[in-house]
Amino acid sequence: MQKAIVLDDQAIRRSLTRISHEIIERNKGIDDCILVGIKTRGIYIAKRLSERIEKFEGQQIPVGELDITLYRDDLTQKTEDKEPLVKGANIPFDITNKKIILVDDVLYTGRTVRAAMDAIIDNGRPAQIQLAVLVDRGHRELPIRADYVGKNIPTSSTEKIVVELMEVDDQDQVTIHTKE
């Protein structure tokens, strides 16, 4: 059940614009930087960041994709292993000695990011890996923190953050829901 809208379309735009500026500032430009979006919504956020950065810097920042899916318990298979499964990467350029900026919609336990870092390292040896997220909701299980955060939204374990993006959901908003 939806509890509240925490980011509307304007707030998402402002957050992504701020993150874009922070990426440029922290990296002293965008030389040797690559954005890598984590499927599904992280890919669209990465593309939006790339578009904004191009407007500010006058050059395009490459965007790659990672497909990471969580193992889930279902009726036919009960498992204790809920770690993310890396399904595939579409990074059509050499990442060796590049600054990789992983992009995701929500940072929660940190397990998806850990799996994404493993996938990145399997594709080459970057100079650095940074993390940009639209929402950080807390509840980390691994020692991972985002370098760029659109909004920190402290949640309880009975709440869920839902990110909707125009490219997938026909609207831009972030809502908090109570689990039923």
C-alpha atoms as a PDB file:
ATOM      1  CA  MET A   1       0.000   0.000   0.000  1.00  0.00           C
ATOM      2  CA  GLN A   2       1.404   3.396  -1.002  1.00  0.00           C
ATOM      3  CA  LYS A   3       2.303   5.486   2.010  1.00  0.00           C
ATOM      4  CA  ALA A   4       3.810   8.613   0.414  1.00  0.00           C
ATOM      5  CA  ILE A   5       5.426  10.087  -2.686  1.00  0.00           C
ATOM      6  CA  VAL A   6       8.972  10.975  -1.628  1.00  0.00           C
ATOM      7  CA  LEU A   7      10.287  12.208  -5.006  1.00  0.00           C
ATOM      8  CA  ASP A   8       8.161  13.568  -7.849  1.00  0.00           C
ATOM      9  CA  ASP A   9       9.348  14.099 -11.425  1.00  0.00           C
ATOM     10  CA  GLN A  10      10.850  17.537 -10.659  1.00  0.00           C
ATOM     11  CA  ALA A  11      12.686  16.242  -7.585  1.00  0.00           C
ATOM     12  CA  ILE A  12      14.105  13.342  -9.616  1.00  0.00           C
ATOM     13  CA  ARG A  13      15.304  15.773 -12.314  1.00  0.00           C
ATOM     14  CA  ARG A  14      16.953  18.013  -9.707  1.00  0.00           C
ATOM     15  CA  SER A  15      18.612  15.022  -8.018  1.00  0.00           C
ATOM     16  CA  LEU A  16      20.030  13.722 -11.302  1.00  0.00           C
ATOM     17  CA  THR A  17      21.279  17.191 -12.258  1.00  0.00           C
ATOM     18  CA  ARG A  18      23.026  17.519  -8.870  1.00  0.00           C
ATOM     19  CA  ILE A  19      24.556  14.022  -9.154  1.00  0.00           C
ATOM     20  CA  SER A  20      25.812  14.899 -12.665  1.00  0.00           C
ATOM     21  CA  HIS A  21      27.552  18.018 -11.351  1.00  0.00           C
ATOM     22  CA  GLU A  22      29.030  16.037  -8.439  1.00  0.00           C
ATOM     23  CA  ILE A  23      30.413  13.385 -10.816  1.00  0.00           C
ATOM     24  CA  ILE A  24      32.066  16.071 -12.962  1.00  0.00           C
ATOM     25  CA  GLU A  25      33.456  17.893  -9.926  1.00  0.00           C
ATOM     26  CA  ARG A  26      34.782  14.818  -8.098  1.00  0.00           C
ATOM     27  CA  ASN A  27      36.465  13.440 -11.232  1.00  0.00           C
ATOM     28  CA  LYS A  28      37.719  16.858 -12.439  1.00  0.00           C
ATOM     29  CA  GLY A  29      35.834  16.396 -15.687  1.00  0.00           C
ATOM     30  CA  ILE A  30      34.805  13.134 -17.305  1.00  0.00           C
ATOM     31  CA  ASP A  31      38.037  11.903 -18.879  1.00  0.00           C
ATOM     32  CA  ASP A  32      38.347   8.132 -18.404  1.00  0.00           C
ATOM     33  CA  CYS A  33      34.876   7.915 -16.794  1.00  0.00           C
ATOM     34  CA  ILE A  34      32.274   5.314 -17.748  1.00  0.00           C
ATOM     35  CA  LEU A  35      28.731   5.037 -16.391  1.00  0.00           C
ATOM     36  CA  VAL A  36      27.459   1.480 -15.889  1.00  0.00           C
ATOM     37  CA  GLY A  37      23.764   1.083 -15.094  1.00  0.00           C
ATOM     38  CA  ILE A  38      22.457  -1.884 -13.147  1.00  0.00           C
ATOM     39  CA  LYS A  39      19.370  -3.344 -14.812  1.00  0.00           C
ATOM     40  CA  THR A  40      16.616  -2.322 -14.976  1.00  0.00           C
ATOM     41  CA  ARG A  41      16.139   1.217 -13.746  1.00  0.00           C
ATOM     42  CA  GLY A  42      19.815   1.900 -13.114  1.00  0.00           C
ATOM     43  CA  ILE A  43      20.387   1.718 -16.866  1.00  0.00           C
ATOM     44  CA  TYR A  44      17.868   4.491 -17.530  1.00  0.00           C
ATOM     45  CA  ILE A  45      19.250   6.613 -14.708  1.00  0.00           C
ATOM     46  CA  ALA A  46      22.775   6.162 -16.171  1.00  0.00           C
ATOM     47  CA  LYS A  47      21.532   7.268 -19.598  1.00  0.00           C
ATOM     48  CA  ARG A  48      19.886  10.342 -18.082  1.00  0.00           C
ATOM     49  CA  LEU A  49      23.083  11.191 -16.197  1.00  0.00           C
ATOM     50  CA  SER A  50      25.052  10.805 -19.434  1.00  0.00           C
ATOM     51  CA  GLU A  51      22.711  13.226 -21.232  1.00  0.00           C
ATOM     52  CA  ARG A  52      23.049  15.827 -18.470  1.00  0.00           C
ATOM     53  CA  ILE A  53      26.820  15.472 -18.294  1.00  0.00           C
ATOM     54  CA  GLU A  54      27.057  15.903 -22.068  1.00  0.00           C
ATOM     55  CA  LYS A  55      25.102  19.179 -21.795  1.00  0.00           C
ATOM     56  CA  PHE A  56      27.490  20.462 -19.123  1.00  0.00           C
ATOM     57  CA  GLU A  57      30.788  19.138 -20.532  1.00  0.00           C
ATOM     58  CA  GLY A  58      30.109  19.131 -24.262  1.00  0.00           C
ATOM     59  CA  GLN A  59      31.233  15.529 -24.625  1.00  0.00           C
ATOM     60  CA  GLN A  60      29.533  12.209 -24.165  1.00  0.00           C
ATOM     61  CA  ILE A  61      30.317   9.824 -21.323  1.00  0.00           C
ATOM     62  CA  PRO A  62      30.060   6.135 -22.321  1.00  0.00           C
ATOM     63  CA  VAL A  63      27.248   4.068 -20.781  1.00  0.00           C
ATOM     64  CA  GLY A  64      27.352   0.325 -20.176  1.00  0.00           C
ATOM     65  CA  GLU A  65      24.800  -2.082 -18.693  1.00  0.00           C
ATOM     66  CA  LEU A  66      24.852  -4.865 -16.113  1.00  0.00           C
ATOM     67  CA  ASP A  67      22.030  -7.390 -15.704  1.00  0.00           C
ATOM     68  CA  ILE A  68      21.892  -8.547 -12.087  1.00  0.00           C
ATOM     69  CA  THR A  69      18.891 -10.469 -10.822  1.00  0.00           C
ATOM     70  CA  LEU A  70      18.228 -11.472  -7.218  1.00  0.00           C
ATOM     71  CA  TYR A  71      17.589 -15.100  -6.411  1.00  0.00           C
ATOM     72  CA  ARG A  72      14.154 -15.274  -4.916  1.00  0.00           C
ATOM     73  CA  ASP A  73      12.394 -17.881  -2.833  1.00  0.00           C
ATOM     74  CA  ASP A  74       9.437 -19.382  -4.654  1.00  0.00           C
ATOM     75  CA  LEU A  75       7.031 -22.248  -4.197  1.00  0.00           C
ATOM     76  CA  THR A  76       9.167 -24.827  -6.000  1.00  0.00           C
ATOM     77  CA  GLN A  77      12.554 -23.946  -4.572  1.00  0.00           C
ATOM     78  CA  LYS A  78      13.371 -22.773  -1.070  1.00  0.00           C
ATOM     79  CA  THR A  79      16.890 -21.433  -0.678  1.00  0.00           C
ATOM     80  CA  GLU A  80      18.817 -19.560   1.952  1.00  0.00           C
ATOM     81  CA  ASP A  81      21.060 -18.027  -0.713  1.00  0.00           C
ATOM     82  CA  LYS A  82      19.553 -14.683  -1.671  1.00  0.00           C
ATOM     83  CA  GLU A  83      22.717 -13.206  -3.165  1.00  0.00           C
ATOM     84  CA  PRO A  84      22.429 -11.435  -6.514  1.00  0.00           C
ATOM     85  CA  LEU A  85      23.117 -13.430  -9.647  1.00  0.00           C
ATOM     86  CA  VAL A  86      25.028 -11.744 -12.430  1.00  0.00           C
ATOM     87  CA  LYS A  87      23.205 -12.547 -15.674  1.00  0.00           C
ATOM     88  CA  GLY A  88      25.282 -10.556 -18.125  1.00  0.00           C
ATOM     89  CA  ALA A  89      27.061  -7.366 -19.010  1.00  0.00           C
ATOM     90  CA  ASN A  90      26.904  -5.099 -22.020  1.00  0.00           C
ATOM     91  CA  ILE A  91      30.009  -2.959 -21.657  1.00  0.00           C
ATOM     92  CA  PRO A  92      31.263  -2.558 -25.236  1.00  0.00           C
ATOM     93  CA  PHE A  93      34.503  -0.776 -24.338  1.00  0.00           C
ATOM     94  CA  ASP A  94      37.689  -1.450 -22.414  1.00  0.00           C
ATOM     95  CA  ILE A  95      37.298  -0.563 -18.737  1.00  0.00           C
ATOM     96  CA  THR A  96      40.938  -1.097 -17.795  1.00  0.00           C
ATOM     97  CA  ASN A  97      42.281   1.937 -15.918  1.00  0.00           C
ATOM     98  CA  LYS A  98      38.929   3.747 -16.274  1.00  0.00           C
ATOM     99  CA  LYS A  99      36.799   5.282 -13.532  1.00  0.00           C
ATOM    100  CA  ILE A 100      33.610   3.222 -13.424  1.00  0.00           C
ATOM    101  CA  ILE A 101      30.534   4.835 -11.939  1.00  0.00           C
ATOM    102  CA  LEU A 102      27.980   2.144 -11.110  1.00  0.00           C
ATOM    103  CA  VAL A 103      24.428   3.501 -11.234  1.00  0.00           C
ATOM    104  CA  ASP A 104      21.376   1.989  -9.524  1.00  0.00           C
ATOM    105  CA  ASP A 105      17.967   3.179  -8.449  1.00  0.00           C
ATOM    106  CA  VAL A 106      17.956   2.069  -4.785  1.00  0.00           C
ATOM    107  CA  LEU A 107      20.801   1.150  -2.433  1.00  0.00           C
ATOM    108  CA  TYR A 108      19.547  -1.222   0.234  1.00  0.00           C
ATOM    109  CA  THR A 109      21.585  -4.156   1.590  1.00  0.00           C
ATOM    110  CA  GLY A 110      24.574  -3.638  -0.714  1.00  0.00           C
ATOM    111  CA  ARG A 111      24.480  -7.158  -2.170  1.00  0.00           C
ATOM    112  CA  THR A 112      23.503  -6.040  -5.678  1.00  0.00           C
ATOM    113  CA  VAL A 113      26.365  -3.545  -5.710  1.00  0.00           C
ATOM    114  CA  ARG A 114      28.823  -6.205  -4.512  1.00  0.00           C
ATOM    115  CA  ALA A 115      27.743  -8.516  -7.335  1.00  0.00           C
ATOM    116  CA  ALA A 116      28.000  -5.633  -9.812  1.00  0.00           C
ATOM    117  CA  MET A 117      31.563  -4.880  -8.656  1.00  0.00           C
ATOM    118  CA  ASP A 118      32.489  -8.534  -9.167  1.00  0.00           C
ATOM    119  CA  ALA A 119      31.054  -8.371 -12.697  1.00  0.00           C
ATOM    120  CA  ILE A 120      32.973  -5.177 -13.459  1.00  0.00           C
ATOM    121  CA  ILE A 121      36.245  -6.706 -12.274  1.00  0.00           C
ATOM    122  CA  ASP A 122      35.563  -9.795 -14.408  1.00  0.00           C
ATOM    123  CA  ASN A 123      35.477  -7.414 -17.416  1.00  0.00           C
ATOM    124  CA  GLY A 124      38.786  -5.689 -16.652  1.00  0.00           C
ATOM    125  CA  ARG A 125      40.702  -3.810 -14.001  1.00  0.00           C
ATOM    126  CA  PRO A 126      39.266  -0.330 -13.531  1.00  0.00           C
ATOM    127  CA  ALA A 127      41.284   2.409 -11.859  1.00  0.00           C
ATOM    128  CA  GLN A 128      38.338   3.096  -9.564  1.00  0.00           C
ATOM    129  CA  ILE A 129      34.705   2.111  -8.962  1.00  0.00           C
ATOM    130  CA  GLN A 130      32.267   4.725  -7.694  1.00  0.00           C
ATOM    131  CA  LEU A 131      28.565   4.344  -6.904  1.00  0.00           C
ATOM    132  CA  ALA A 132      25.647   6.645  -7.774  1.00  0.00           C
ATOM    133  CA  VAL A 133      22.115   5.893  -6.567  1.00  0.00           C
ATOM    134  CA  LEU A 134      18.853   7.764  -6.786  1.00  0.00           C
ATOM    135  CA  VAL A 135      17.766   6.576  -3.315  1.00  0.00           C
ATOM    136  CA  ASP A 136      19.703   5.275  -0.309  1.00  0.00           C
ATOM    137  CA  ARG A 137      17.256   3.612   2.071  1.00  0.00           C
ATOM    138  CA  GLY A 138      19.734   2.254   4.629  1.00  0.00           C
ATOM    139  CA  HIS A 139      19.753  -1.266   6.123  1.00  0.00           C
ATOM    140  CA  ARG A 140      23.194  -2.184   4.762  1.00  0.00           C
ATOM    141  CA  GLU A 141      24.371  -5.770   5.199  1.00  0.00           C
ATOM    142  CA  LEU A 142      27.743  -5.127   3.554  1.00  0.00           C
ATOM    143  CA  PRO A 143      30.208  -2.252   4.070  1.00  0.00           C
ATOM    144  CA  ILE A 144      29.159  -0.377   0.919  1.00  0.00           C
ATOM    145  CA  ARG A 145      28.222   3.285   0.632  1.00  0.00           C
ATOM    146  CA  ALA A 146      27.240   5.443  -2.312  1.00  0.00           C
ATOM    147  CA  ASP A 147      29.483   8.258  -3.535  1.00  0.00           C
ATOM    148  CA  TYR A 148      26.507  10.085  -5.070  1.00  0.00           C
ATOM    149  CA  VAL A 149      23.002   9.980  -3.592  1.00  0.00           C
ATOM    150  CA  GLY A 150      19.875  11.629  -4.941  1.00  0.00           C
ATOM    151  CA  LYS A 151      18.017  11.314  -1.643  1.00  0.00           C
ATOM    152  CA  ASN A 152      18.497   9.464   1.633  1.00  0.00           C
ATOM    153  CA  ILE A 153      15.196   7.941   2.695  1.00  0.00           C
ATOM    154  CA  PRO A 154      15.428   6.137   6.046  1.00  0.00           C
ATOM    155  CA  THR A 155      12.991   3.229   6.046  1.00  0.00           C
ATOM    156  CA  SER A 156      11.828   0.528   8.372  1.00  0.00           C
ATOM    157  CA  SER A 157      12.042  -3.138   7.456  1.00  0.00           C
ATOM    158  CA  THR A 158       8.260  -3.093   6.905  1.00  0.00           C
ATOM    159  CA  GLU A 159       8.541  -0.468   4.164  1.00  0.00           C
ATOM    160  CA  LYS A 160       9.513  -0.685   0.513  1.00  0.00           C
ATOM    161  CA  ILE A 161      10.847   1.977  -1.855  1.00  0.00           C
ATOM    162  CA  VAL A 162       9.327   1.900  -5.359  1.00  0.00           C
ATOM    163  CA  VAL A 163      11.117   3.813  -8.130  1.00  0.00           C
ATOM    164  CA  GLU A 164       9.091   4.455 -11.261  1.00  0.00           C
ATOM    165  CA  LEU A 165      10.735   5.891 -14.368  1.00  0.00           C
ATOM    166  CA  MET A 166       9.121   7.162 -17.549  1.00  0.00           C
ATOM    167  CA  GLU A 167      11.056   4.683 -19.726  1.00  0.00           C
ATOM    168  CA  VAL A 168       9.588   1.675 -17.896  1.00  0.00           C
ATOM    169  CA  ASP A 169       6.583   2.844 -15.891  1.00  0.00           C
ATOM    170  CA  ASP A 170       5.229   5.848 -17.876  1.00  0.00           C
ATOM    171  CA  GLN A 171       5.874   8.218 -14.950  1.00  0.00           C
ATOM    172  CA  ASP A 172       8.718   9.522 -12.820  1.00  0.00           C
ATOM    173  CA  GLN A 173       8.288   9.183  -9.072  1.00  0.00           C
ATOM    174  CA  VAL A 174       9.646   7.478  -5.992  1.00  0.00           C
ATOM    175  CA  THR A 175       7.161   6.241  -3.430  1.00  0.00           C
ATOM    176  CA  ILE A 176       7.346   4.539  -0.096  1.00  0.00           C
ATOM    177  CA  HIS A 177       4.991   1.621   0.504  1.00  0.00           C
ATOM    178  CA  THR A 178       4.117  -0.459   3.511  1.00  0.00           C
ATOM    179  CA  LYS A 179       4.599  -4.163   2.919  1.00  0.00           C
ATOM    180  CA  GLU A 180       1.376  -6.092   3.063  1.00  0.00           C
END
